[in-house]
Amino acid sequence: MPLESAIPILAYLEHAATVTFYKEVLGFECNADWDGYIMCSREKIEIHLWKCDNEEIPKHTGCYVRVSDIKNLYSEYEKQGIIHPNGKLEVKPWGMVQFSILDNSGNIINFGERLIH
């Protein structure tokens, strides 16, 4: 199949704070910034972000990132204090162990690992 990957495009509110959050808190590299469009990556994952002025938009968007070492990533982000209060690490009925964070603009990012590979 020719499909290779999907890249979420999330809204952000403030440029400098978003670049800082994705780099210093989430551990991503911000590889490109073109006219307010930010492209970030970490290992095989890319997240793109577009500038928006409506603070309600990021509150209603997000993405799901599949990972292979959920416990270590959870520990890393837990130390940063960014785990969503309702998104602690837990086994879900759909066969994933997952947790959630909110980025600095309010986008939810869910991280999950399959229980059975």
N, C-alpha and C. Protein backbone atom coordinates (compact mmCIF):
# COMPACT_ATOMS: atom_id res chain seq x y z
N MET A 1 0.84 -1.18 0.00
CA MET A 1 0.00 0.00 0.00
C MET A 1 0.89 1.24 0.00
N PRO A 2 0.57 2.26 -0.78
CA PRO A 2 1.43 3.43 -0.88
C PRO A 2 1.30 4.41 0.29
N LEU A 3 0.34 4.22 1.17
CA LEU A 3 0.20 5.14 2.29
C LEU A 3 1.33 4.92 3.28
N GLU A 4 1.92 6.01 3.77
CA GLU A 4 3.07 5.88 4.65
C GLU A 4 2.83 6.42 6.04
N SER A 5 2.23 7.60 6.15
CA SER A 5 1.99 8.17 7.47
C SER A 5 0.96 9.29 7.36
N ALA A 6 0.48 9.72 8.50
CA ALA A 6 -0.43 10.86 8.58
C ALA A 6 0.18 11.86 9.54
N ILE A 7 0.01 13.13 9.26
CA ILE A 7 0.57 14.18 10.10
C ILE A 7 -0.57 15.07 10.57
N PRO A 8 -0.81 15.10 11.88
CA PRO A 8 -1.86 16.01 12.38
C PRO A 8 -1.44 17.46 12.22
N ILE A 9 -2.41 18.32 11.98
CA ILE A 9 -2.18 19.76 11.90
C ILE A 9 -3.08 20.40 12.95
N LEU A 10 -2.45 20.88 14.02
CA LEU A 10 -3.17 21.44 15.16
C LEU A 10 -3.08 22.96 15.16
N ALA A 11 -4.08 23.59 15.75
CA ALA A 11 -4.08 25.06 15.87
C ALA A 11 -3.24 25.46 17.08
N TYR A 12 -2.59 26.62 16.97
CA TYR A 12 -1.89 27.17 18.13
C TYR A 12 -2.22 28.65 18.27
N LEU A 13 -2.03 29.18 19.49
CA LEU A 13 -2.41 30.56 19.79
C LEU A 13 -1.23 31.52 19.82
N GLU A 14 -0.12 31.12 20.39
CA GLU A 14 1.01 32.04 20.55
C GLU A 14 2.29 31.36 20.09
N HIS A 15 2.96 31.97 19.14
CA HIS A 15 4.08 31.35 18.45
C HIS A 15 5.24 30.96 19.37
N ALA A 16 5.84 31.91 20.07
CA ALA A 16 7.02 31.62 20.89
C ALA A 16 6.72 30.59 21.98
N ALA A 17 5.57 30.71 22.62
CA ALA A 17 5.20 29.77 23.68
C ALA A 17 5.01 28.36 23.11
N THR A 18 4.49 28.26 21.91
CA THR A 18 4.26 26.95 21.29
C THR A 18 5.58 26.30 20.92
N VAL A 19 6.48 27.04 20.30
CA VAL A 19 7.79 26.49 19.95
C VAL A 19 8.51 26.03 21.22
N THR A 20 8.47 26.84 22.26
CA THR A 20 9.11 26.48 23.53
C THR A 20 8.48 25.22 24.12
N PHE A 21 7.15 25.14 24.12
CA PHE A 21 6.47 23.97 24.68
C PHE A 21 6.85 22.70 23.93
N TYR A 22 6.77 22.73 22.61
CA TYR A 22 7.06 21.52 21.84
C TYR A 22 8.52 21.11 21.95
N LYS A 23 9.43 22.07 22.04
CA LYS A 23 10.86 21.76 22.15
C LYS A 23 11.24 21.36 23.57
N GLU A 24 10.96 22.22 24.52
CA GLU A 24 11.48 22.03 25.87
C GLU A 24 10.64 21.10 26.73
N VAL A 25 9.36 21.03 26.48
CA VAL A 25 8.50 20.19 27.30
C VAL A 25 8.26 18.82 26.65
N LEU A 26 7.90 18.83 25.36
CA LEU A 26 7.60 17.56 24.68
C LEU A 26 8.82 16.90 24.06
N GLY A 27 9.93 17.63 23.93
CA GLY A 27 11.14 17.03 23.37
C GLY A 27 11.15 16.92 21.86
N PHE A 28 10.36 17.72 21.18
CA PHE A 28 10.34 17.74 19.72
C PHE A 28 11.36 18.73 19.20
N GLU A 29 11.75 18.57 17.96
CA GLU A 29 12.52 19.58 17.23
C GLU A 29 11.53 20.36 16.39
N CYS A 30 11.66 21.65 16.36
CA CYS A 30 10.85 22.46 15.45
C CYS A 30 11.70 22.70 14.21
N ASN A 31 11.45 21.89 13.18
CA ASN A 31 12.29 21.82 12.00
C ASN A 31 12.07 22.96 11.02
N ALA A 32 10.87 23.51 11.01
CA ALA A 32 10.57 24.56 10.03
C ALA A 32 9.49 25.47 10.59
N ASP A 33 9.58 26.70 10.17
CA ASP A 33 8.61 27.71 10.57
C ASP A 33 8.41 28.60 9.35
N TRP A 34 7.30 28.39 8.70
CA TRP A 34 7.06 29.10 7.46
C TRP A 34 5.80 29.94 7.60
N ASP A 35 5.98 31.23 7.69
CA ASP A 35 4.87 32.18 7.77
C ASP A 35 3.87 31.80 8.87
N GLY A 36 4.42 31.41 10.04
CA GLY A 36 3.56 31.05 11.17
C GLY A 36 3.14 29.60 11.20
N TYR A 37 3.48 28.82 10.20
CA TYR A 37 3.19 27.39 10.15
C TYR A 37 4.40 26.66 10.71
N ILE A 38 4.22 25.95 11.82
CA ILE A 38 5.33 25.31 12.52
C ILE A 38 5.30 23.80 12.26
N MET A 39 6.46 23.23 11.93
CA MET A 39 6.58 21.80 11.71
C MET A 39 7.52 21.22 12.75
N CYS A 40 7.02 20.31 13.57
CA CYS A 40 7.80 19.72 14.66
C CYS A 40 7.89 18.20 14.47
N SER A 41 8.98 17.63 14.97
CA SER A 41 9.13 16.17 14.88
C SER A 41 9.91 15.64 16.07
N ARG A 42 9.62 14.39 16.36
CA ARG A 42 10.37 13.65 17.37
C ARG A 42 10.36 12.19 16.93
N GLU A 43 11.54 11.64 16.70
CA GLU A 43 11.69 10.30 16.17
C GLU A 43 10.88 10.18 14.88
N LYS A 44 9.88 9.29 14.81
CA LYS A 44 9.11 9.11 13.57
C LYS A 44 7.83 9.93 13.53
N ILE A 45 7.59 10.73 14.55
CA ILE A 45 6.33 11.47 14.67
C ILE A 45 6.51 12.92 14.22
N GLU A 46 5.57 13.40 13.45
CA GLU A 46 5.52 14.81 13.07
C GLU A 46 4.20 15.40 13.53
N ILE A 47 4.26 16.62 14.01
CA ILE A 47 3.06 17.40 14.31
C ILE A 47 3.27 18.77 13.69
N HIS A 48 2.31 19.20 12.89
CA HIS A 48 2.35 20.53 12.31
C HIS A 48 1.33 21.40 13.04
N LEU A 49 1.60 22.69 13.09
CA LEU A 49 0.73 23.62 13.81
C LEU A 49 0.49 24.88 12.97
N TRP A 50 -0.73 25.36 12.99
CA TRP A 50 -1.08 26.59 12.27
C TRP A 50 -1.59 27.63 13.26
N LYS A 51 -1.27 28.89 12.98
CA LYS A 51 -1.63 30.01 13.84
C LYS A 51 -3.12 30.29 13.74
N CYS A 52 -3.74 30.45 14.90
CA CYS A 52 -5.16 30.79 14.94
C CYS A 52 -5.38 31.79 16.07
N ASP A 53 -6.38 32.61 15.93
CA ASP A 53 -6.67 33.63 16.94
C ASP A 53 -7.89 33.29 17.79
N ASN A 54 -8.58 32.20 17.46
CA ASN A 54 -9.78 31.80 18.20
C ASN A 54 -9.38 30.75 19.23
N GLU A 55 -9.35 31.12 20.50
CA GLU A 55 -8.89 30.19 21.54
C GLU A 55 -9.79 28.98 21.73
N GLU A 56 -10.98 28.97 21.14
CA GLU A 56 -11.87 27.82 21.24
C GLU A 56 -11.45 26.68 20.32
N ILE A 57 -10.81 26.99 19.21
CA ILE A 57 -10.46 25.96 18.23
C ILE A 57 -9.53 24.91 18.82
N PRO A 58 -8.40 25.28 19.44
CA PRO A 58 -7.53 24.22 19.99
C PRO A 58 -8.20 23.39 21.10
N LYS A 59 -9.17 23.96 21.77
CA LYS A 59 -9.87 23.21 22.82
C LYS A 59 -10.70 22.05 22.26
N HIS A 60 -10.90 22.04 20.95
CA HIS A 60 -11.74 21.03 20.31
C HIS A 60 -10.98 20.20 19.28
N THR A 61 -9.65 20.25 19.36
CA THR A 61 -8.86 19.46 18.41
C THR A 61 -7.75 18.71 19.15
N GLY A 62 -7.17 17.76 18.47
CA GLY A 62 -6.08 16.99 19.05
C GLY A 62 -5.65 15.89 18.12
N CYS A 63 -4.85 14.99 18.65
CA CYS A 63 -4.38 13.86 17.85
C CYS A 63 -4.05 12.68 18.75
N TYR A 64 -3.84 11.54 18.13
CA TYR A 64 -3.49 10.30 18.82
C TYR A 64 -2.15 9.85 18.27
N VAL A 65 -1.19 9.61 19.15
CA VAL A 65 0.15 9.19 18.75
C VAL A 65 0.40 7.79 19.32
N ARG A 66 0.67 6.84 18.44
CA ARG A 66 1.00 5.49 18.90
C ARG A 66 2.47 5.42 19.21
N VAL A 67 2.80 4.78 20.33
CA VAL A 67 4.18 4.69 20.79
C VAL A 67 4.52 3.24 21.11
N SER A 68 5.81 2.97 21.31
CA SER A 68 6.23 1.60 21.61
C SER A 68 6.77 1.44 23.03
N ASP A 69 6.94 2.53 23.75
CA ASP A 69 7.45 2.44 25.13
C ASP A 69 6.69 3.45 25.98
N ILE A 70 5.43 3.18 26.19
CA ILE A 70 4.52 4.13 26.83
C ILE A 70 4.94 4.48 28.26
N LYS A 71 5.45 3.51 29.00
CA LYS A 71 5.80 3.77 30.41
C LYS A 71 6.92 4.79 30.53
N ASN A 72 7.93 4.70 29.69
CA ASN A 72 9.03 5.67 29.75
C ASN A 72 8.57 7.05 29.30
N LEU A 73 7.75 7.12 28.26
CA LEU A 73 7.25 8.42 27.80
C LEU A 73 6.35 9.04 28.86
N TYR A 74 5.51 8.23 29.47
CA TYR A 74 4.64 8.72 30.54
C TYR A 74 5.49 9.28 31.69
N SER A 75 6.52 8.57 32.07
CA SER A 75 7.40 9.02 33.14
C SER A 75 8.06 10.35 32.79
N GLU A 76 8.52 10.47 31.55
CA GLU A 76 9.14 11.72 31.08
C GLU A 76 8.16 12.89 31.19
N TYR A 77 6.94 12.69 30.71
CA TYR A 77 5.96 13.78 30.70
C TYR A 77 5.35 14.02 32.08
N GLU A 78 5.30 12.98 32.90
CA GLU A 78 4.81 13.15 34.27
C GLU A 78 5.75 14.08 35.05
N LYS A 79 7.05 13.92 34.84
CA LYS A 79 8.04 14.80 35.48
C LYS A 79 7.86 16.25 35.04
N GLN A 80 7.37 16.44 33.83
CA GLN A 80 7.12 17.79 33.30
C GLN A 80 5.83 18.39 33.88
N GLY A 81 5.01 17.54 34.51
CA GLY A 81 3.75 18.02 35.09
C GLY A 81 2.68 18.35 34.06
N ILE A 82 2.70 17.64 32.93
CA ILE A 82 1.76 17.98 31.86
C ILE A 82 0.69 16.91 31.61
N ILE A 83 0.63 15.87 32.42
CA ILE A 83 -0.39 14.84 32.24
C ILE A 83 -1.76 15.46 32.53
N HIS A 84 -2.70 15.24 31.63
CA HIS A 84 -4.06 15.75 31.82
C HIS A 84 -4.66 15.11 33.08
N PRO A 85 -5.35 15.88 33.93
CA PRO A 85 -5.92 15.31 35.15
C PRO A 85 -6.82 14.10 34.91
N ASN A 86 -7.49 14.06 33.77
CA ASN A 86 -8.35 12.91 33.43
C ASN A 86 -7.67 11.97 32.44
N GLY A 87 -6.36 12.11 32.27
CA GLY A 87 -5.66 11.33 31.26
C GLY A 87 -4.48 10.55 31.79
N LYS A 88 -4.57 10.08 33.00
CA LYS A 88 -3.48 9.29 33.59
C LYS A 88 -3.31 7.98 32.81
N LEU A 89 -2.14 7.39 32.93
CA LEU A 89 -1.83 6.13 32.24
C LEU A 89 -2.80 5.05 32.69
N GLU A 90 -3.50 4.45 31.73
CA GLU A 90 -4.43 3.37 32.06
C GLU A 90 -4.72 2.50 30.84
N VAL A 91 -5.16 1.29 31.12
CA VAL A 91 -5.57 0.36 30.08
C VAL A 91 -6.98 0.71 29.65
N LYS A 92 -7.17 0.82 28.35
CA LYS A 92 -8.47 1.17 27.78
C LYS A 92 -9.15 -0.07 27.23
N PRO A 93 -10.49 -0.07 27.17
CA PRO A 93 -11.22 -1.25 26.68
C PRO A 93 -10.92 -1.60 25.23
N TRP A 94 -10.38 -0.67 24.47
CA TRP A 94 -10.11 -0.94 23.05
C TRP A 94 -8.71 -1.51 22.83
N GLY A 95 -8.07 -2.02 23.90
CA GLY A 95 -6.81 -2.74 23.75
C GLY A 95 -5.57 -1.87 23.72
N MET A 96 -5.66 -0.67 24.27
CA MET A 96 -4.51 0.22 24.33
C MET A 96 -4.26 0.61 25.77
N VAL A 97 -3.00 0.88 26.09
CA VAL A 97 -2.67 1.54 27.34
C VAL A 97 -2.28 2.96 26.91
N GLN A 98 -2.88 3.95 27.54
CA GLN A 98 -2.67 5.30 27.04
C GLN A 98 -2.75 6.35 28.14
N PHE A 99 -2.28 7.56 27.79
CA PHE A 99 -2.40 8.73 28.63
C PHE A 99 -2.58 9.94 27.73
N SER A 100 -2.95 11.07 28.33
CA SER A 100 -3.23 12.28 27.55
C SER A 100 -2.56 13.50 28.18
N ILE A 101 -2.22 14.44 27.31
CA ILE A 101 -1.73 15.74 27.76
C ILE A 101 -2.50 16.83 27.01
N LEU A 102 -2.42 18.05 27.50
CA LEU A 102 -2.88 19.21 26.75
C LEU A 102 -1.65 20.03 26.41
N ASP A 103 -1.55 20.49 25.17
CA ASP A 103 -0.44 21.37 24.85
C ASP A 103 -0.74 22.78 25.35
N ASN A 104 0.16 23.70 25.14
CA ASN A 104 0.02 25.05 25.68
C ASN A 104 -1.16 25.82 25.09
N SER A 105 -1.71 25.38 23.98
CA SER A 105 -2.88 26.04 23.38
C SER A 105 -4.18 25.35 23.73
N GLY A 106 -4.11 24.13 24.28
CA GLY A 106 -5.31 23.40 24.67
C GLY A 106 -5.64 22.20 23.81
N ASN A 107 -4.81 21.89 22.80
CA ASN A 107 -5.00 20.67 22.00
C ASN A 107 -4.74 19.46 22.87
N ILE A 108 -5.58 18.45 22.76
CA ILE A 108 -5.32 17.21 23.49
C ILE A 108 -4.45 16.30 22.62
N ILE A 109 -3.44 15.72 23.23
CA ILE A 109 -2.60 14.75 22.54
C ILE A 109 -2.65 13.47 23.37
N ASN A 110 -3.18 12.42 22.77
CA ASN A 110 -3.27 11.11 23.41
C ASN A 110 -2.10 10.27 22.91
N PHE A 111 -1.43 9.59 23.84
CA PHE A 111 -0.35 8.69 23.50
C PHE A 111 -0.78 7.29 23.90
N GLY A 112 -0.64 6.33 22.98
CA GLY A 112 -1.09 4.98 23.28
C GLY A 112 -0.19 3.90 22.73
N GLU A 113 -0.18 2.77 23.43
CA GLU A 113 0.57 1.59 23.00
C GLU A 113 -0.38 0.40 22.99
N ARG A 114 -0.32 -0.38 21.93
CA ARG A 114 -1.15 -1.59 21.85
C ARG A 114 -0.74 -2.57 22.94
N LEU A 115 -1.74 -3.20 23.54
CA LEU A 115 -1.45 -4.21 24.56
C LEU A 115 -0.93 -5.49 23.92
N ILE A 116 -1.48 -5.85 22.78
CA ILE A 116 -1.07 -7.05 22.06
C ILE A 116 -0.53 -6.61 20.72
N HIS A 117 0.70 -6.98 20.43
CA HIS A 117 1.33 -6.56 19.18
C HIS A 117 1.16 -7.59 18.11
